Amino acid sequence: MNSMQVYVNRKQFLFSPDPSRIIARFLHLSDERSADIIRNVLAMPKEEVNIALSQLLRGYSRRHRNISRIFENHFARLSPIFDTIEVNEEDLSIPQKALIGSYFTMEYSIESAAFFNPSVVEDPDQSGLRTNEKRVIFSFRATGEGHISSIVFRSGIIDRNNDLIIEPVGKMLAEADKIIRNVYEKKTFKEKLSKTNDRHDLISPDFIFDKLQDTFTYGELMKNLAIEINNPSINEGQIKIINQMMWLASSHYEINFSIDSAISERVIFPVSATEQKGIEDARFVKFTDDNGEIIYYGTYTAYDGITIMPKLISTTDFYNFKILPINGEIAQNKGMALFPRKIKGKYTMLCRIDGVNNYIAYSDSINVWREAKIIQQPKYPWELVQIGNAGSPIETEDGWLVITHAVGPMREYTLGASLYELDNPEKEIGRLTSPLMEPNEVEREGYVPNVIYSCGSIIHNDDLILPYAMSDHSSTYATINLRELLDVLKASGKSTQK
């Protein structure tokens, strides 16, 4: 074996897409069709309503946790339709409401197309384990019909041999139990609005901001926007401003999951307009603050079908999550990855602002990033198209270990590795001169051929635990001896300096 190569132990474990994992989504129909459906249900005799609802509950109660409550929640979203048909919702019986809600409900198979781009972090709960075992949480990008992506999780234990024992995967999937919108500061909101607006011919947004206090809620903003959008004298420029403000405001929110849900049943499905076409490639990291507080951050890409927006998700327990956009001049491309602690008092992030090279950025605020410095460029034949991170840097005694992804001939994605100084992560200690991993004959077949990709690794039992996706379809993991990898990286740096 060449001294500059590292042995990779590919584990015989497969995370595969499962079309039976479904959630119950709200079905959007036109106002006219919605009104007709409601009228038809209201015309049904009481006994017919009860029979129809009973049949529905028999058929779907085993597929969804509390399907009747889902029907009722979807019924509640139809209030504007009831206003147009002059029917008082309060006069309806509970079975009528539930049956109406069922007509505006559809099942969505969240991972029918792909289950890929994993990251892994240490579980907050490490109790009840044997020596040299670690409980972990994997996150994945799950993709279903229409190529809409969401974030899903799996929990398991990595044993002393680095074999993975996955907890039973729950079938009663659910979206967040509660969605809480944000409170905004007018000054910050105006700054972000100006950054998202790349047109200089739009009018000032002050016709909205003048009606708002220095801080305002999502509801207060939406109320004022609704008043203006119905103003007969509104012009095209004002409509564009209103649409931008609605788009931006919807990108801040909190979600809470029921405590009786297994982690494999919690689905972070697109909530805001900024991510309606998908939540892509979450890179989770266990972050330790200067005061010792532990918080799990994930950086991901929100996609609305036209524009991407880097966003930040945070949690301490994987039940309650806060989501907010990443602001600033460099928040403009995919692949931002947060360091697991501050460096010299500042949050530190890897990013790829030009789509080609690796950069590093520092900030006093975790979601505002202004400047970045290039630290790595494509160098070898297997990475000449682009290079980027494959998850957050990992702290070792020898430096910051960064797993990278690279694109070369035939748009083949490979994985590499680099090592940077702990106190100065802009300075490279060493870098693999050949890929750490490249797709083998099995891994290169899939939805997008010739791709292996990872969004985050950890260290366990002196090995690197590296989960990765295979051709944007399914996922697995590999283990690599950490000491061997670090020694090769350091040697590569010395040979380059000669």
Protein backbone atom coordinates (compact mmCIF):
# COMPACT_ATOMS: atom_id res chain seq x y z
CA MET A 1 0.00 0.00 0.00
CA ASN A 2 1.27 3.46 -0.92
CA SER A 3 2.36 5.38 2.18
CA MET A 4 0.06 8.25 1.23
CA GLN A 5 -3.06 6.06 1.15
CA VAL A 6 -5.36 5.36 4.08
CA TYR A 7 -7.29 2.13 4.67
CA VAL A 8 -11.07 2.67 4.62
CA ASN A 9 -13.32 0.03 6.20
CA ARG A 10 -16.65 0.18 4.39
CA LYS A 11 -19.30 -1.22 6.71
CA GLN A 12 -21.94 -3.58 5.37
CA PHE A 13 -24.83 -1.45 6.57
CA LEU A 14 -27.47 0.21 4.43
CA PHE A 15 -29.87 3.09 5.07
CA SER A 16 -32.42 2.67 2.27
CA PRO A 17 -35.40 4.79 1.24
CA ASP A 18 -38.68 3.36 2.54
CA PRO A 19 -41.85 4.38 0.63
CA SER A 20 -44.04 3.22 3.53
CA ARG A 21 -42.89 6.14 5.67
CA ILE A 22 -45.61 8.72 5.10
CA ILE A 23 -46.96 11.92 6.62
CA ALA A 24 -50.42 13.47 6.23
CA ARG A 25 -50.13 16.80 4.40
CA PHE A 26 -52.68 19.54 3.79
CA LEU A 27 -54.09 19.30 0.25
CA HIS A 28 -54.35 22.71 -1.39
CA LEU A 29 -57.29 23.09 -3.79
CA SER A 30 -58.77 26.12 -5.52
CA ASP A 31 -61.32 28.14 -3.57
CA GLU A 32 -64.09 27.12 -5.96
CA ARG A 33 -63.36 23.40 -5.69
CA SER A 34 -62.97 23.69 -1.93
CA ALA A 35 -66.34 25.38 -1.58
CA ASP A 36 -68.03 22.67 -3.68
CA ILE A 37 -66.53 19.89 -1.54
CA ILE A 38 -67.67 21.57 1.67
CA ARG A 39 -71.19 22.04 0.34
CA ASN A 40 -71.38 18.38 -0.71
CA VAL A 41 -70.29 17.14 2.71
CA LEU A 42 -72.76 19.44 4.45
CA ALA A 43 -75.52 18.02 2.26
CA MET A 44 -74.79 14.47 3.47
CA PRO A 45 -77.18 12.95 6.06
CA LYS A 46 -75.77 12.60 9.56
CA GLU A 47 -75.66 8.79 9.34
CA GLU A 48 -73.75 8.91 6.04
CA VAL A 49 -71.20 11.31 7.55
CA ASN A 50 -70.65 8.98 10.51
CA ILE A 51 -70.22 5.91 8.30
CA ALA A 52 -67.78 7.67 5.95
CA LEU A 53 -65.70 8.96 8.85
CA SER A 54 -65.68 5.57 10.58
CA GLN A 55 -64.37 3.90 7.43
CA LEU A 56 -61.65 6.53 7.12
CA LEU A 57 -60.52 6.09 10.70
CA ARG A 58 -60.37 2.31 10.32
CA GLY A 59 -58.23 2.67 7.23
CA TYR A 60 -55.82 5.37 8.40
CA SER A 61 -55.62 5.35 12.21
CA ARG A 62 -52.86 2.73 12.07
CA ARG A 63 -50.89 4.78 9.57
CA HIS A 64 -50.89 8.09 11.46
CA ARG A 65 -50.72 9.17 15.06
CA ASN A 66 -54.08 10.82 15.90
CA ILE A 67 -55.39 11.11 12.34
CA SER A 68 -58.66 12.64 13.58
CA ARG A 69 -56.73 15.60 15.01
CA ILE A 70 -54.96 16.02 11.67
CA PHE A 71 -58.37 16.19 9.97
CA GLU A 72 -59.52 18.81 12.47
CA ASN A 73 -56.36 20.88 11.99
CA HIS A 74 -56.82 20.83 8.23
CA PHE A 75 -60.46 21.78 8.65
CA ALA A 76 -59.36 24.82 10.67
CA ARG A 77 -57.31 26.04 7.68
CA LEU A 78 -60.50 26.38 5.63
CA SER A 79 -61.93 29.36 7.53
CA PRO A 80 -61.56 31.78 4.57
CA ILE A 81 -63.64 29.39 2.42
CA PHE A 82 -66.45 29.30 4.98
CA ASP A 83 -66.61 33.09 4.88
CA THR A 84 -67.36 32.94 1.14
CA ILE A 85 -70.15 30.33 1.39
CA GLU A 86 -71.79 31.96 4.41
CA VAL A 87 -71.65 28.90 6.67
CA ASN A 88 -70.95 29.20 10.39
CA GLU A 89 -68.23 26.70 11.28
CA GLU A 90 -69.45 26.57 14.87
CA ASP A 91 -72.74 25.05 13.76
CA LEU A 92 -71.00 21.94 12.39
CA SER A 93 -70.65 18.69 14.31
CA ILE A 94 -67.26 17.19 15.13
CA PRO A 95 -67.74 14.36 12.57
CA GLN A 96 -68.64 16.91 9.88
CA LYS A 97 -65.51 18.93 10.61
CA ALA A 98 -63.29 15.85 10.60
CA LEU A 99 -64.80 14.52 7.37
CA ILE A 100 -64.39 17.88 5.63
CA GLY A 101 -60.78 18.01 6.83
CA SER A 102 -60.13 14.54 5.36
CA TYR A 103 -60.92 15.80 1.85
CA PHE A 104 -58.10 18.32 2.27
CA THR A 105 -55.58 15.74 3.46
CA MET A 106 -53.13 13.69 1.41
CA GLU A 107 -50.40 11.22 2.25
CA TYR A 108 -46.85 12.11 1.25
CA SER A 109 -44.10 9.48 1.16
CA ILE A 110 -41.15 11.48 2.47
CA GLU A 111 -38.33 9.18 1.35
CA SER A 112 -39.83 7.34 -1.61
CA ALA A 113 -37.14 8.67 -3.97
CA ALA A 114 -33.96 8.91 -1.88
CA PHE A 115 -32.43 8.76 1.59
CA PHE A 116 -29.05 10.41 1.46
CA ASN A 117 -26.45 13.03 2.51
CA PRO A 118 -26.11 11.98 6.16
CA SER A 119 -24.44 13.63 9.12
CA VAL A 120 -23.88 12.15 12.58
CA VAL A 121 -23.55 13.65 16.08
CA GLU A 122 -23.31 12.33 19.60
CA ASP A 123 -26.75 11.89 21.19
CA PRO A 124 -27.41 14.20 24.19
CA ASP A 125 -28.33 11.04 26.16
CA GLN A 126 -25.35 8.75 26.77
CA SER A 127 -26.84 6.85 29.72
CA GLY A 128 -27.09 3.07 30.03
CA LEU A 129 -24.23 2.21 27.67
CA ARG A 130 -21.46 -0.36 27.90
CA THR A 131 -17.78 0.56 27.81
CA ASN A 132 -16.67 1.98 24.46
CA GLU A 133 -20.22 2.42 23.19
CA LYS A 134 -21.72 5.68 21.97
CA ARG A 135 -25.31 6.60 21.24
CA VAL A 136 -25.55 8.68 18.06
CA ILE A 137 -28.08 10.56 15.98
CA PHE A 138 -27.93 10.48 12.20
CA SER A 139 -29.64 13.12 10.11
CA PHE A 140 -30.56 12.53 6.48
CA ARG A 141 -31.98 14.34 3.51
CA ALA A 142 -35.13 12.43 2.63
CA THR A 143 -36.65 13.07 -0.80
CA GLY A 144 -40.10 12.16 -2.06
CA GLU A 145 -42.51 13.04 -4.85
CA GLY A 146 -41.64 16.25 -6.68
CA HIS A 147 -38.06 16.00 -5.33
CA ILE A 148 -39.10 17.82 -2.14
CA SER A 149 -36.52 17.25 0.59
CA SER A 150 -36.95 17.15 4.36
CA ILE A 151 -34.73 16.38 7.37
CA VAL A 152 -35.24 13.06 9.14
CA PHE A 153 -33.34 11.25 11.87
CA ARG A 154 -32.24 7.82 13.05
CA SER A 155 -30.87 6.92 16.46
CA GLY A 156 -28.51 4.08 17.25
CA ILE A 157 -25.54 2.82 19.20
CA ILE A 158 -22.02 2.34 17.83
CA ASP A 159 -20.43 -0.49 19.77
CA ARG A 160 -16.81 -1.19 20.71
CA ASN A 161 -16.19 -2.67 17.24
CA ASN A 162 -17.74 0.36 15.56
CA ASP A 163 -20.70 -1.72 14.41
CA LEU A 164 -24.00 0.13 14.35
CA ILE A 165 -27.15 -1.02 16.11
CA ILE A 166 -30.06 1.14 14.94
CA GLU A 167 -33.06 1.62 17.20
CA PRO A 168 -36.36 0.34 15.77
CA VAL A 169 -37.63 2.80 13.19
CA GLY A 170 -41.07 4.21 14.03
CA LYS A 171 -43.85 4.25 11.45
CA MET A 172 -46.13 6.92 12.97
CA LEU A 173 -44.39 9.87 11.33
CA ALA A 174 -45.43 13.40 12.12
CA GLU A 175 -44.56 16.95 11.30
CA ALA A 176 -44.02 19.40 14.14
CA ASP A 177 -46.76 19.52 16.75
CA LYS A 178 -46.45 23.29 16.98
CA ILE A 179 -45.01 26.05 14.81
CA ILE A 180 -44.08 29.34 16.48
CA ARG A 181 -43.32 32.39 14.37
CA ASN A 182 -40.60 34.90 15.12
CA VAL A 183 -40.45 38.41 16.60
CA TYR A 184 -38.44 40.77 14.38
CA GLU A 185 -36.35 43.88 14.86
CA LYS A 186 -37.21 46.48 12.25
CA LYS A 187 -33.60 47.56 11.64
CA THR A 188 -32.31 44.00 11.09
CA PHE A 189 -35.29 43.06 8.96
CA LYS A 190 -34.75 46.10 6.70
CA GLU A 191 -31.05 45.24 6.29
CA LYS A 192 -31.81 41.66 5.30
CA LEU A 193 -34.56 42.82 2.93
CA SER A 194 -32.09 45.10 1.16
CA LYS A 195 -29.62 42.20 0.82
CA THR A 196 -32.21 39.89 -0.75
CA ASN A 197 -33.34 42.57 -3.18
CA ASP A 198 -31.04 42.56 -6.19
CA ARG A 199 -33.21 44.98 -8.15
CA HIS A 200 -32.58 48.69 -7.79
CA ASP A 201 -35.82 49.82 -9.38
CA LEU A 202 -38.05 48.70 -6.52
CA ILE A 203 -39.58 51.42 -4.36
CA SER A 204 -38.86 51.96 -0.68
CA PRO A 205 -40.52 49.49 1.74
CA ASP A 206 -41.21 52.29 4.24
CA PHE A 207 -44.89 52.30 3.30
CA ILE A 208 -45.00 49.08 5.38
CA PHE A 209 -42.27 49.76 7.95
CA ASP A 210 -43.81 53.13 8.92
CA LYS A 211 -46.80 51.21 10.31
CA LEU A 212 -44.67 48.88 12.44
CA GLN A 213 -42.98 49.34 15.81
CA ASP A 214 -39.22 48.88 16.30
CA THR A 215 -40.01 45.23 17.09
CA PHE A 216 -42.95 43.41 15.57
CA THR A 217 -44.41 39.93 15.36
CA TYR A 218 -45.02 37.75 12.33
CA GLY A 219 -48.77 38.25 12.82
CA GLU A 220 -48.47 42.04 12.96
CA LEU A 221 -46.44 42.08 9.77
CA MET A 222 -48.86 39.77 7.94
CA LYS A 223 -51.83 41.91 9.06
CA ASN A 224 -50.28 45.07 7.62
CA LEU A 225 -49.24 43.31 4.43
CA ALA A 226 -52.79 42.00 3.97
CA ILE A 227 -54.20 45.52 4.35
CA GLU A 228 -51.81 46.90 1.75
CA ILE A 229 -52.27 44.07 -0.75
CA ASN A 230 -56.02 44.83 -0.75
CA ASN A 231 -55.46 48.56 -1.25
CA PRO A 232 -56.99 49.49 -4.64
CA SER A 233 -54.21 52.02 -5.30
CA ILE A 234 -51.34 49.55 -4.76
CA ASN A 235 -48.80 49.52 -7.60
CA GLU A 236 -46.62 46.78 -9.09
CA GLY A 237 -43.49 47.89 -7.22
CA GLN A 238 -45.30 47.76 -3.87
CA ILE A 239 -46.62 44.27 -4.65
CA LYS A 240 -43.04 43.08 -5.29
CA ILE A 241 -41.90 44.55 -1.97
CA ILE A 242 -44.80 42.86 -0.14
CA ASN A 243 -43.97 39.49 -1.69
CA GLN A 244 -40.32 39.84 -0.66
CA MET A 245 -41.29 40.75 2.90
CA MET A 246 -43.64 37.75 3.15
CA TRP A 247 -40.90 35.49 1.77
CA LEU A 248 -38.33 36.78 4.26
CA ALA A 249 -40.62 36.77 7.30
CA SER A 250 -41.62 33.15 6.75
CA SER A 251 -37.98 32.02 7.02
CA HIS A 252 -37.89 32.50 10.85
CA TYR A 253 -39.77 30.01 13.02
CA GLU A 254 -39.65 27.45 15.82
CA ILE A 255 -41.02 23.93 15.70
CA ASN A 256 -41.86 21.59 18.58
CA PHE A 257 -42.44 17.83 18.38
CA SER A 258 -44.57 15.75 20.73
CA ILE A 259 -42.56 14.10 23.50
CA ASP A 260 -44.22 10.76 22.74
CA SER A 261 -42.63 10.64 19.27
CA ALA A 262 -39.54 8.57 18.53
CA ILE A 263 -36.74 10.54 16.91
CA SER A 264 -37.16 8.49 13.72
CA GLU A 265 -40.76 9.76 13.57
CA ARG A 266 -39.88 13.47 13.64
CA VAL A 267 -39.89 14.99 10.18
CA ILE A 268 -38.66 18.54 9.57
CA PHE A 269 -40.65 19.21 6.43
CA PRO A 270 -40.50 22.56 4.60
CA VAL A 271 -42.52 25.13 6.55
CA SER A 272 -41.66 28.49 5.02
CA ALA A 273 -41.95 29.87 1.52
CA THR A 274 -38.14 30.09 1.33
CA GLU A 275 -37.88 26.28 1.51
CA GLN A 276 -41.06 25.09 -0.19
CA LYS A 277 -39.07 23.02 -2.69
CA GLY A 278 -36.78 21.47 -0.13
CA ILE A 279 -34.50 21.46 2.90
CA GLU A 280 -31.16 20.23 1.63
CA ASP A 281 -27.95 18.77 3.09
CA ALA A 282 -28.11 19.60 6.79
CA ARG A 283 -24.68 19.58 8.44
CA PHE A 284 -25.24 19.02 12.17
CA VAL A 285 -22.54 19.65 14.77
CA LYS A 286 -22.36 19.42 18.56
CA PHE A 287 -21.31 22.95 19.55
CA THR A 288 -19.75 23.80 22.92
CA ASP A 289 -20.06 27.46 23.92
CA ASP A 290 -17.48 29.33 25.97
CA ASN A 291 -19.60 28.80 29.10
CA GLY A 292 -19.72 25.05 28.54
CA GLU A 293 -23.29 25.02 27.25
CA ILE A 294 -23.98 22.37 24.60
CA ILE A 295 -26.20 23.15 21.64
CA TYR A 296 -26.63 21.28 18.37
CA TYR A 297 -26.50 23.44 15.26
CA GLY A 298 -27.26 22.44 11.72
CA THR A 299 -26.60 24.49 8.61
CA TYR A 300 -28.75 23.68 5.60
CA THR A 301 -29.85 25.05 2.26
CA ALA A 302 -33.44 26.21 1.79
CA TYR A 303 -34.71 26.14 -1.77
CA ASP A 304 -37.92 27.74 -3.04
CA GLY A 305 -37.61 26.57 -6.63
CA ILE A 306 -35.65 29.61 -7.77
CA THR A 307 -33.49 30.94 -4.94
CA ILE A 308 -31.36 29.21 -2.31
CA MET A 309 -31.02 30.57 1.23
CA PRO A 310 -28.51 29.22 3.78
CA LYS A 311 -30.31 28.65 7.09
CA LEU A 312 -29.43 27.64 10.62
CA ILE A 313 -31.30 25.17 12.80
CA SER A 314 -30.57 24.73 16.51
CA THR A 315 -31.71 22.37 19.25
CA THR A 316 -30.64 21.03 22.62
CA ASP A 317 -32.94 18.00 22.75
CA PHE A 318 -34.03 17.18 19.14
CA TYR A 319 -37.65 17.84 20.17
CA ASN A 320 -37.61 21.63 19.92
CA PHE A 321 -35.90 23.42 17.04
CA LYS A 322 -35.30 27.06 16.13
CA ILE A 323 -34.80 28.02 12.49
CA LEU A 324 -33.50 31.30 11.13
CA PRO A 325 -31.79 32.50 7.95
CA ILE A 326 -28.04 33.02 7.80
CA ASN A 327 -27.50 36.69 6.93
CA GLY A 328 -24.59 38.62 5.50
CA GLU A 329 -22.73 39.10 2.27
CA ILE A 330 -21.20 35.60 2.20
CA ALA A 331 -24.48 33.75 2.91
CA GLN A 332 -25.05 33.04 -0.74
CA ASN A 333 -24.10 29.47 -1.56
CA LYS A 334 -24.43 25.90 -0.37
CA GLY A 335 -22.22 24.03 2.05
CA MET A 336 -21.72 26.19 5.14
CA ALA A 337 -20.33 24.16 8.07
CA LEU A 338 -19.86 25.49 11.60
CA PHE A 339 -16.81 24.72 13.74
CA PRO A 340 -17.75 22.93 17.01
CA ARG A 341 -16.51 25.80 19.18
CA LYS A 342 -15.48 29.43 18.90
CA ILE A 343 -11.93 30.25 17.83
CA LYS A 344 -10.35 33.30 19.48
CA GLY A 345 -13.77 34.38 20.72
CA LYS A 346 -15.55 34.19 17.36
CA TYR A 347 -17.89 31.77 15.69
CA THR A 348 -16.06 30.14 12.79
CA MET A 349 -17.51 28.68 9.62
CA LEU A 350 -16.32 26.88 6.52
CA CYS A 351 -18.11 27.98 3.36
CA ARG A 352 -17.86 27.98 -0.43
CA ILE A 353 -19.09 31.38 -1.57
CA ASP A 354 -17.99 31.03 -5.20
CA GLY A 355 -19.08 27.43 -5.78
CA VAL A 356 -15.47 26.31 -6.40
CA ASN A 357 -13.13 26.95 -3.45
CA ASN A 358 -13.14 26.46 0.32
CA TYR A 359 -13.31 29.58 2.50
CA ILE A 360 -13.25 30.34 6.21
CA ALA A 361 -15.28 33.04 7.95
CA TYR A 362 -15.48 34.50 11.46
CA SER A 363 -18.35 36.29 13.18
CA ASP A 364 -19.50 37.67 16.52
CA SER A 365 -23.05 36.58 15.62
CA ILE A 366 -23.87 33.03 14.69
CA ASN A 367 -26.26 33.98 11.88
CA VAL A 368 -24.56 37.08 10.43
CA TRP A 369 -21.50 36.48 8.24
CA ARG A 370 -19.85 39.35 6.39
CA GLU A 371 -16.38 38.35 5.16
CA ALA A 372 -14.58 35.17 4.16
CA LYS A 373 -11.04 34.21 3.26
CA ILE A 374 -10.07 31.51 0.77
CA ILE A 375 -8.10 28.65 2.37
CA GLN A 376 -8.26 25.87 -0.21
CA GLN A 377 -8.50 25.61 -3.99
CA PRO A 378 -8.81 22.67 -6.38
CA LYS A 379 -5.34 21.26 -6.88
CA TYR A 380 -5.41 17.61 -7.95
CA PRO A 381 -7.07 16.08 -11.03
CA TRP A 382 -9.93 14.55 -9.01
CA GLU A 383 -11.03 17.98 -7.68
CA LEU A 384 -10.55 20.45 -10.52
CA VAL A 385 -14.28 21.19 -10.97
CA GLN A 386 -14.87 22.17 -7.33
CA ILE A 387 -13.98 21.42 -3.75
CA GLY A 388 -16.05 21.83 -0.60
CA ASN A 389 -16.45 20.57 2.95
CA ALA A 390 -18.22 17.32 3.81
CA GLY A 391 -19.33 18.47 7.25
CA SER A 392 -18.06 20.45 10.22
CA PRO A 393 -14.36 20.32 11.16
CA ILE A 394 -13.42 17.78 13.82
CA GLU A 395 -11.03 18.79 16.58
CA THR A 396 -8.09 16.44 17.13
CA GLU A 397 -4.87 16.82 19.10
CA ASP A 398 -3.02 17.36 15.82
CA GLY A 399 -5.36 19.95 14.33
CA TRP A 400 -8.75 20.48 12.71
CA LEU A 401 -9.63 17.48 10.56
CA VAL A 402 -11.78 18.50 7.59
CA ILE A 403 -13.37 15.88 5.38
CA THR A 404 -13.87 17.37 1.93
CA HIS A 405 -15.83 16.50 -1.16
CA ALA A 406 -14.47 17.16 -4.61
CA VAL A 407 -15.71 16.95 -8.19
CA GLY A 408 -13.52 15.77 -11.04
CA PRO A 409 -13.84 14.19 -14.49
CA MET A 410 -17.26 12.80 -15.45
CA ARG A 411 -18.68 14.85 -12.54
CA GLU A 412 -17.50 12.15 -10.16
CA TYR A 413 -17.79 13.12 -6.49
CA THR A 414 -15.06 11.83 -4.18
CA LEU A 415 -14.14 12.42 -0.54
CA GLY A 416 -10.81 13.79 0.65
CA ALA A 417 -9.29 15.07 3.88
CA SER A 418 -7.25 18.04 5.09
CA LEU A 419 -5.72 19.10 8.39
CA TYR A 420 -5.52 22.68 9.72
CA GLU A 421 -3.84 24.27 12.74
CA LEU A 422 -6.01 24.46 15.86
CA ASP A 423 -5.20 28.08 16.70
CA ASN A 424 -5.06 29.23 13.11
CA PRO A 425 -7.45 27.17 10.96
CA GLU A 426 -6.47 29.21 7.93
CA LYS A 427 -3.14 27.40 7.86
CA GLU A 428 -3.12 23.98 6.25
CA ILE A 429 -0.93 21.32 7.85
CA GLY A 430 -1.54 18.67 5.24
CA ARG A 431 -3.89 17.44 2.55
CA LEU A 432 -4.43 14.05 0.93
CA THR A 433 -2.90 13.84 -2.52
CA SER A 434 -5.39 11.18 -3.62
CA PRO A 435 -9.03 10.63 -2.66
CA LEU A 436 -9.79 9.20 0.75
CA MET A 437 -12.80 7.50 -0.86
CA GLU A 438 -14.18 7.30 -4.36
CA PRO A 439 -17.35 5.52 -5.50
CA ASN A 440 -16.88 1.81 -6.07
CA GLU A 441 -18.85 -0.24 -8.59
CA VAL A 442 -21.84 -0.64 -6.26
CA GLU A 443 -21.86 2.94 -4.98
CA ARG A 444 -21.67 4.61 -8.39
CA GLU A 445 -25.17 3.40 -9.45
CA GLY A 446 -28.16 5.46 -8.36
CA TYR A 447 -30.36 8.49 -8.91
CA VAL A 448 -27.25 10.64 -9.60
CA PRO A 449 -24.43 8.30 -10.69
CA ASN A 450 -20.81 8.47 -9.53
CA VAL A 451 -21.41 10.39 -6.29
CA ILE A 452 -20.42 9.75 -2.70
CA TYR A 453 -21.18 12.59 -0.30
CA SER A 454 -21.19 13.23 3.44
CA CYS A 455 -22.49 16.03 5.66
CA GLY A 456 -20.66 15.24 8.90
CA SER A 457 -18.53 12.71 10.82
CA ILE A 458 -17.50 11.98 14.41
CA ILE A 459 -14.70 10.18 16.25
CA HIS A 460 -15.36 7.00 18.26
CA ASN A 461 -12.88 4.49 19.67
CA ASP A 462 -10.02 6.29 17.92
CA ASP A 463 -11.69 5.83 14.54
CA LEU A 464 -13.36 8.30 12.24
CA ILE A 465 -17.01 7.33 11.77
CA LEU A 466 -17.85 8.59 8.29
CA PRO A 467 -21.47 8.26 7.06
CA TYR A 468 -21.94 8.88 3.37
CA ALA A 469 -24.53 8.74 0.62
CA MET A 470 -24.24 6.63 -2.50
CA SER A 471 -25.28 8.28 -5.76
CA ASP A 472 -28.05 10.31 -4.12
CA HIS A 473 -30.15 7.23 -3.36
CA SER A 474 -29.19 5.44 -0.14
CA SER A 475 -26.57 5.76 2.60
CA THR A 476 -24.05 3.76 4.58
CA TYR A 477 -20.93 4.45 6.67
CA ALA A 478 -17.23 3.66 6.85
CA THR A 479 -14.61 3.70 9.58
CA ILE A 480 -11.04 4.96 9.28
CA ASN A 481 -8.25 4.70 11.83
CA LEU A 482 -7.79 8.25 13.07
CA ARG A 483 -4.09 7.92 13.91
CA GLU A 484 -3.27 6.57 10.48
CA LEU A 485 -5.23 9.34 8.76
CA LEU A 486 -3.61 12.11 10.81
CA ASP A 487 -0.11 10.69 10.24
CA VAL A 488 -0.67 10.57 6.48
CA LEU A 489 -2.02 14.12 6.50
CA LYS A 490 0.97 15.43 8.44
CA ALA A 491 3.36 13.55 6.17
CA SER A 492 1.69 15.00 3.10
CA GLY A 493 2.31 18.49 4.44
CA LYS A 494 5.99 17.78 5.05
CA SER A 495 6.47 16.29 1.58
CA THR A 496 4.85 19.33 0.00
CA GLN A 497 7.23 21.65 1.83
CA LYS A 498 10.33 19.84 0.54
